[in-house]
Amino acid sequence: MISTDRLDLIPLRSEHAAEMTEVLSDPALHTFTGGTPLTPAALLARYERLAVAHPIRRCGG
């Protein structure tokens, strides 16, 4: 996790998919990114794949 006074960056988790489905559902967004909005099930599947494919790496110190 990376935190500043104004922003917290947290690792992507599958639980975020439900909230992000609404955020990413605007077709106008996809004018610039390509494709179409994903269904809630498709976004959940994508987030599950991404969370497994990119585990959190911790740096030793």
PDB file of N, CA and C in Angstrom:
ATOM      1  N   MET A   1       0.845  -1.176   0.000  1.00  0.00           N
ATOM      2  CA  MET A   1       0.000   0.000   0.000  1.00  0.00           C
ATOM      3  C   MET A   1       0.888   1.236   0.000  1.00  0.00           C
ATOM      4  N   ILE A   2       0.509   2.206  -0.775  1.00  0.00           N
ATOM      5  CA  ILE A   2       1.222   3.480  -0.824  1.00  0.00           C
ATOM      6  C   ILE A   2       0.246   4.548  -0.363  1.00  0.00           C
ATOM      7  N   SER A   3       0.646   5.329   0.622  1.00  0.00           N
ATOM      8  CA  SER A   3      -0.236   6.357   1.161  1.00  0.00           C
ATOM      9  C   SER A   3       0.438   7.715   1.138  1.00  0.00           C
ATOM     10  N   THR A   4      -0.361   8.708   0.806  1.00  0.00           N
ATOM     11  CA  THR A   4       0.058  10.105   0.927  1.00  0.00           C
ATOM     12  C   THR A   4      -1.055  10.825   1.680  1.00  0.00           C
ATOM     13  N   ASP A   5      -0.889  12.113   1.883  1.00  0.00           N
ATOM     14  CA  ASP A   5      -1.931  12.876   2.565  1.00  0.00           C
ATOM     15  C   ASP A   5      -3.244  12.878   1.793  1.00  0.00           C
ATOM     16  N   ARG A   6      -3.166  12.777   0.472  1.00  0.00           N
ATOM     17  CA  ARG A   6      -4.365  12.890  -0.353  1.00  0.00           C
ATOM     18  C   ARG A   6      -4.776  11.619  -1.063  1.00  0.00           C
ATOM     19  N   LEU A   7      -3.963  10.576  -1.010  1.00  0.00           N
ATOM     20  CA  LEU A   7      -4.231   9.400  -1.830  1.00  0.00           C
ATOM     21  C   LEU A   7      -3.719   8.136  -1.166  1.00  0.00           C
ATOM     22  N   ASP A   8      -4.518   7.077  -1.243  1.00  0.00           N
ATOM     23  CA  ASP A   8      -4.088   5.741  -0.822  1.00  0.00           C
ATOM     24  C   ASP A   8      -4.178   4.827  -2.027  1.00  0.00           C
ATOM     25  N   LEU A   9      -3.079   4.205  -2.402  1.00  0.00           N
ATOM     26  CA  LEU A   9      -3.057   3.213  -3.468  1.00  0.00           C
ATOM     27  C   LEU A   9      -3.016   1.842  -2.820  1.00  0.00           C
ATOM     28  N   ILE A  10      -4.005   1.032  -3.143  1.00  0.00           N
ATOM     29  CA  ILE A  10      -4.073  -0.303  -2.565  1.00  0.00           C
ATOM     30  C   ILE A  10      -4.031  -1.325  -3.690  1.00  0.00           C
ATOM     31  N   PRO A  11      -3.547  -2.524  -3.411  1.00  0.00           N
ATOM     32  CA  PRO A  11      -3.485  -3.554  -4.446  1.00  0.00           C
ATOM     33  C   PRO A  11      -4.876  -3.919  -4.953  1.00  0.00           C
ATOM     34  N   LEU A  12      -4.954  -4.232  -6.219  1.00  0.00           N
ATOM     35  CA  LEU A  12      -6.203  -4.659  -6.843  1.00  0.00           C
ATOM     36  C   LEU A  12      -6.634  -5.986  -6.238  1.00  0.00           C
ATOM     37  N   ARG A  13      -7.918  -6.065  -5.878  1.00  0.00           N
ATOM     38  CA  ARG A  13      -8.478  -7.304  -5.344  1.00  0.00           C
ATOM     39  C   ARG A  13      -9.792  -7.585  -6.050  1.00  0.00           C
ATOM     40  N   SER A  14     -10.179  -8.825  -6.093  1.00  0.00           N
ATOM     41  CA  SER A  14     -11.411  -9.196  -6.790  1.00  0.00           C
ATOM     42  C   SER A  14     -12.633  -8.513  -6.180  1.00  0.00           C
ATOM     43  N   GLU A  15     -12.588  -8.181  -4.900  1.00  0.00           N
ATOM     44  CA  GLU A  15     -13.715  -7.521  -4.244  1.00  0.00           C
ATOM     45  C   GLU A  15     -13.985  -6.135  -4.833  1.00  0.00           C
ATOM     46  N   HIS A  16     -13.006  -5.550  -5.509  1.00  0.00           N
ATOM     47  CA  HIS A  16     -13.178  -4.223  -6.104  1.00  0.00           C
ATOM     48  C   HIS A  16     -14.029  -4.251  -7.369  1.00  0.00           C
ATOM     49  N   ALA A  17     -14.224  -5.407  -7.954  1.00  0.00           N
ATOM     50  CA  ALA A  17     -14.923  -5.512  -9.242  1.00  0.00           C
ATOM     51  C   ALA A  17     -16.351  -4.989  -9.176  1.00  0.00           C
ATOM     52  N   ALA A  18     -17.079  -5.284  -8.110  1.00  0.00           N
ATOM     53  CA  ALA A  18     -18.477  -4.852  -8.014  1.00  0.00           C
ATOM     54  C   ALA A  18     -18.590  -3.332  -8.085  1.00  0.00           C
ATOM     55  N   GLU A  19     -17.763  -2.644  -7.332  1.00  0.00           N
ATOM     56  CA  GLU A  19     -17.784  -1.182  -7.337  1.00  0.00           C
ATOM     57  C   GLU A  19     -17.310  -0.620  -8.674  1.00  0.00           C
ATOM     58  N   MET A  20     -16.296  -1.232  -9.247  1.00  0.00           N
ATOM     59  CA  MET A  20     -15.727  -0.718 -10.490  1.00  0.00           C
ATOM     60  C   MET A  20     -16.604  -0.984 -11.707  1.00  0.00           C
ATOM     61  N   THR A  21     -17.499  -1.967 -11.631  1.00  0.00           N
ATOM     62  CA  THR A  21     -18.407  -2.225 -12.747  1.00  0.00           C
ATOM     63  C   THR A  21     -19.199  -0.965 -13.072  1.00  0.00           C
ATOM     64  N   GLU A  22     -19.714  -0.304 -12.058  1.00  0.00           N
ATOM     65  CA  GLU A  22     -20.478   0.930 -12.278  1.00  0.00           C
ATOM     66  C   GLU A  22     -19.576   2.044 -12.812  1.00  0.00           C
ATOM     67  N   VAL A  23     -18.397   2.185 -12.234  1.00  0.00           N
ATOM     68  CA  VAL A  23     -17.463   3.236 -12.658  1.00  0.00           C
ATOM     69  C   VAL A  23     -17.074   3.073 -14.119  1.00  0.00           C
ATOM     70  N   LEU A  24     -16.838   1.836 -14.544  1.00  0.00           N
ATOM     71  CA  LEU A  24     -16.352   1.565 -15.897  1.00  0.00           C
ATOM     72  C   LEU A  24     -17.467   1.289 -16.909  1.00  0.00           C
ATOM     73  N   SER A  25     -18.726   1.482 -16.515  1.00  0.00           N
ATOM     74  CA  SER A  25     -19.842   1.133 -17.399  1.00  0.00           C
ATOM     75  C   SER A  25     -20.192   2.209 -18.423  1.00  0.00           C
ATOM     76  N   ASP A  26     -19.641   3.386 -18.326  1.00  0.00           N
ATOM     77  CA  ASP A  26     -19.970   4.468 -19.255  1.00  0.00           C
ATOM     78  C   ASP A  26     -19.369   4.171 -20.627  1.00  0.00           C
ATOM     79  N   PRO A  27     -20.195   3.990 -21.654  1.00  0.00           N
ATOM     80  CA  PRO A  27     -19.670   3.702 -22.995  1.00  0.00           C
ATOM     81  C   PRO A  27     -18.728   4.792 -23.519  1.00  0.00           C
ATOM     82  N   ALA A  28     -18.917   6.029 -23.071  1.00  0.00           N
ATOM     83  CA  ALA A  28     -18.039   7.123 -23.513  1.00  0.00           C
ATOM     84  C   ALA A  28     -16.586   6.875 -23.097  1.00  0.00           C
ATOM     85  N   LEU A  29     -16.391   6.250 -21.961  1.00  0.00           N
ATOM     86  CA  LEU A  29     -15.029   5.922 -21.520  1.00  0.00           C
ATOM     87  C   LEU A  29     -14.339   5.029 -22.533  1.00  0.00           C
ATOM     88  N   HIS A  30     -15.068   4.108 -23.107  1.00  0.00           N
ATOM     89  CA  HIS A  30     -14.498   3.134 -24.023  1.00  0.00           C
ATOM     90  C   HIS A  30     -14.248   3.706 -25.418  1.00  0.00           C
ATOM     91  N   THR A  31     -14.709   4.925 -25.654  1.00  0.00           N
ATOM     92  CA  THR A  31     -14.367   5.632 -26.888  1.00  0.00           C
ATOM     93  C   THR A  31     -12.851   5.799 -26.966  1.00  0.00           C
ATOM     94  N   PHE A  32     -12.225   6.022 -25.836  1.00  0.00           N
ATOM     95  CA  PHE A  32     -10.782   6.271 -25.784  1.00  0.00           C
ATOM     96  C   PHE A  32      -9.971   5.021 -25.484  1.00  0.00           C
ATOM     97  N   THR A  33     -10.564   4.083 -24.757  1.00  0.00           N
ATOM     98  CA  THR A  33      -9.812   2.894 -24.364  1.00  0.00           C
ATOM     99  C   THR A  33     -10.085   1.698 -25.264  1.00  0.00           C
ATOM    100  N   GLY A  34     -11.156   1.775 -26.056  1.00  0.00           N
ATOM    101  CA  GLY A  34     -11.528   0.663 -26.924  1.00  0.00           C
ATOM    102  C   GLY A  34     -12.398  -0.339 -26.207  1.00  0.00           C
ATOM    103  N   GLY A  35     -13.047  -1.165 -26.963  1.00  0.00           N
ATOM    104  CA  GLY A  35     -13.895  -2.206 -26.401  1.00  0.00           C
ATOM    105  C   GLY A  35     -15.223  -1.675 -25.919  1.00  0.00           C
ATOM    106  N   THR A  36     -15.866  -2.450 -25.079  1.00  0.00           N
ATOM    107  CA  THR A  36     -17.158  -2.105 -24.508  1.00  0.00           C
ATOM    108  C   THR A  36     -17.126  -2.399 -23.013  1.00  0.00           C
ATOM    109  N   PRO A  37     -18.062  -1.827 -22.262  1.00  0.00           N
ATOM    110  CA  PRO A  37     -18.090  -2.116 -20.824  1.00  0.00           C
ATOM    111  C   PRO A  37     -18.265  -3.612 -20.562  1.00  0.00           C
ATOM    112  N   LEU A  38     -17.565  -4.113 -19.569  1.00  0.00           N
ATOM    113  CA  LEU A  38     -17.670  -5.521 -19.194  1.00  0.00           C
ATOM    114  C   LEU A  38     -18.871  -5.736 -18.280  1.00  0.00           C
ATOM    115  N   THR A  39     -19.424  -6.918 -18.336  1.00  0.00           N
ATOM    116  CA  THR A  39     -20.472  -7.294 -17.395  1.00  0.00           C
ATOM    117  C   THR A  39     -19.836  -7.449 -16.014  1.00  0.00           C
ATOM    118  N   PRO A  40     -20.641  -7.406 -14.962  1.00  0.00           N
ATOM    119  CA  PRO A  40     -20.073  -7.620 -13.622  1.00  0.00           C
ATOM    120  C   PRO A  40     -19.307  -8.942 -13.511  1.00  0.00           C
ATOM    121  N   ALA A  41     -19.826 -10.005 -14.098  1.00  0.00           N
ATOM    122  CA  ALA A  41     -19.146 -11.310 -14.027  1.00  0.00           C
ATOM    123  C   ALA A  41     -17.826 -11.289 -14.784  1.00  0.00           C
ATOM    124  N   ALA A  42     -17.803 -10.642 -15.944  1.00  0.00           N
ATOM    125  CA  ALA A  42     -16.569 -10.575 -16.738  1.00  0.00           C
ATOM    126  C   ALA A  42     -15.511  -9.729 -16.042  1.00  0.00           C
ATOM    127  N   LEU A  43     -15.934  -8.629 -15.417  1.00  0.00           N
ATOM    128  CA  LEU A  43     -14.968  -7.783 -14.700  1.00  0.00           C
ATOM    129  C   LEU A  43     -14.413  -8.519 -13.484  1.00  0.00           C
ATOM    130  N   LEU A  44     -15.268  -9.242 -12.782  1.00  0.00           N
ATOM    131  CA  LEU A  44     -14.804 -10.038 -11.641  1.00  0.00           C
ATOM    132  C   LEU A  44     -13.779 -11.064 -12.100  1.00  0.00           C
ATOM    133  N   ALA A  45     -14.040 -11.755 -13.192  1.00  0.00           N
ATOM    134  CA  ALA A  45     -13.094 -12.744 -13.709  1.00  0.00           C
ATOM    135  C   ALA A  45     -11.771 -12.094 -14.082  1.00  0.00           C
ATOM    136  N   ARG A  46     -11.829 -10.919 -14.693  1.00  0.00           N
ATOM    137  CA  ARG A  46     -10.594 -10.206 -15.055  1.00  0.00           C
ATOM    138  C   ARG A  46      -9.806  -9.825 -13.810  1.00  0.00           C
ATOM    139  N   TYR A  47     -10.478  -9.283 -12.809  1.00  0.00           N
ATOM    140  CA  TYR A  47      -9.793  -8.885 -11.574  1.00  0.00           C
ATOM    141  C   TYR A  47      -9.189 -10.095 -10.873  1.00  0.00           C
ATOM    142  N   GLU A  48      -9.892 -11.225 -10.887  1.00  0.00           N
ATOM    143  CA  GLU A  48      -9.342 -12.432 -10.277  1.00  0.00           C
ATOM    144  C   GLU A  48      -8.075 -12.875 -11.001  1.00  0.00           C
ATOM    145  N   ARG A  49      -8.075 -12.816 -12.334  1.00  0.00           N
ATOM    146  CA  ARG A  49      -6.868 -13.177 -13.102  1.00  0.00           C
ATOM    147  C   ARG A  49      -5.726 -12.209 -12.817  1.00  0.00           C
ATOM    148  N   LEU A  50      -6.023 -10.922 -12.781  1.00  0.00           N
ATOM    149  CA  LEU A  50      -4.978  -9.924 -12.548  1.00  0.00           C
ATOM    150  C   LEU A  50      -4.381 -10.042 -11.152  1.00  0.00           C
ATOM    151  N   ALA A  51      -5.207 -10.305 -10.159  1.00  0.00           N
ATOM    152  CA  ALA A  51      -4.714 -10.434  -8.791  1.00  0.00           C
ATOM    153  C   ALA A  51      -3.783 -11.628  -8.648  1.00  0.00           C
ATOM    154  N   VAL A  52      -4.045 -12.712  -9.366  1.00  0.00           N
ATOM    155  CA  VAL A  52      -3.191 -13.892  -9.318  1.00  0.00           C
ATOM    156  C   VAL A  52      -1.927 -13.670 -10.163  1.00  0.00           C
ATOM    157  N   ALA A  53      -2.091 -13.025 -11.306  1.00  0.00           N
ATOM    158  CA  ALA A  53      -0.965 -12.840 -12.219  1.00  0.00           C
ATOM    159  C   ALA A  53       0.075 -11.848 -11.693  1.00  0.00           C
ATOM    160  N   HIS A  54      -0.365 -10.924 -10.853  1.00  0.00           N
ATOM    161  CA  HIS A  54       0.539  -9.886 -10.351  1.00  0.00           C
ATOM    162  C   HIS A  54       0.480  -9.804  -8.847  1.00  0.00           C
ATOM    163  N   PRO A  55       1.024 -10.800  -8.164  1.00  0.00           N
ATOM    164  CA  PRO A  55       0.983 -10.760  -6.703  1.00  0.00           C
ATOM    165  C   PRO A  55       1.794  -9.569  -6.179  1.00  0.00           C
ATOM    166  N   ILE A  56       1.465  -9.178  -4.995  1.00  0.00           N
ATOM    167  CA  ILE A  56       2.174  -8.069  -4.346  1.00  0.00           C
ATOM    168  C   ILE A  56       3.608  -8.501  -4.072  1.00  0.00           C
ATOM    169  N   ARG A  57       4.524  -7.681  -4.469  1.00  0.00           N
ATOM    170  CA  ARG A  57       5.934  -7.948  -4.199  1.00  0.00           C
ATOM    171  C   ARG A  57       6.401  -7.003  -3.112  1.00  0.00           C
ATOM    172  N   ARG A  58       7.041  -7.544  -2.148  1.00  0.00           N
ATOM    173  CA  ARG A  58       7.556  -6.729  -1.051  1.00  0.00           C
ATOM    174  C   ARG A  58       9.060  -6.631  -1.195  1.00  0.00           C
ATOM    175  N   CYS A  59       9.561  -5.440  -0.999  1.00  0.00           N
ATOM    176  CA  CYS A  59      11.007  -5.209  -1.073  1.00  0.00           C
ATOM    177  C   CYS A  59      11.617  -5.407   0.298  1.00  0.00           C
ATOM    178  N   GLY A  60      12.729  -6.087   0.336  1.00  0.00           N
ATOM    179  CA  GLY A  60      13.454  -6.238   1.590  1.00  0.00           C
ATOM    180  C   GLY A  60      14.168  -4.942   1.933  1.00  0.00           C
ATOM    181  N   GLY A  61      14.450  -4.749   3.174  1.00  0.00           N
ATOM    182  CA  GLY A  61      15.056  -3.471   3.516  1.00  0.00           C
ATOM    183  C   GLY A  61      16.105  -3.543   4.506  1.00  0.00           C
TER     184      GLY A  61
END
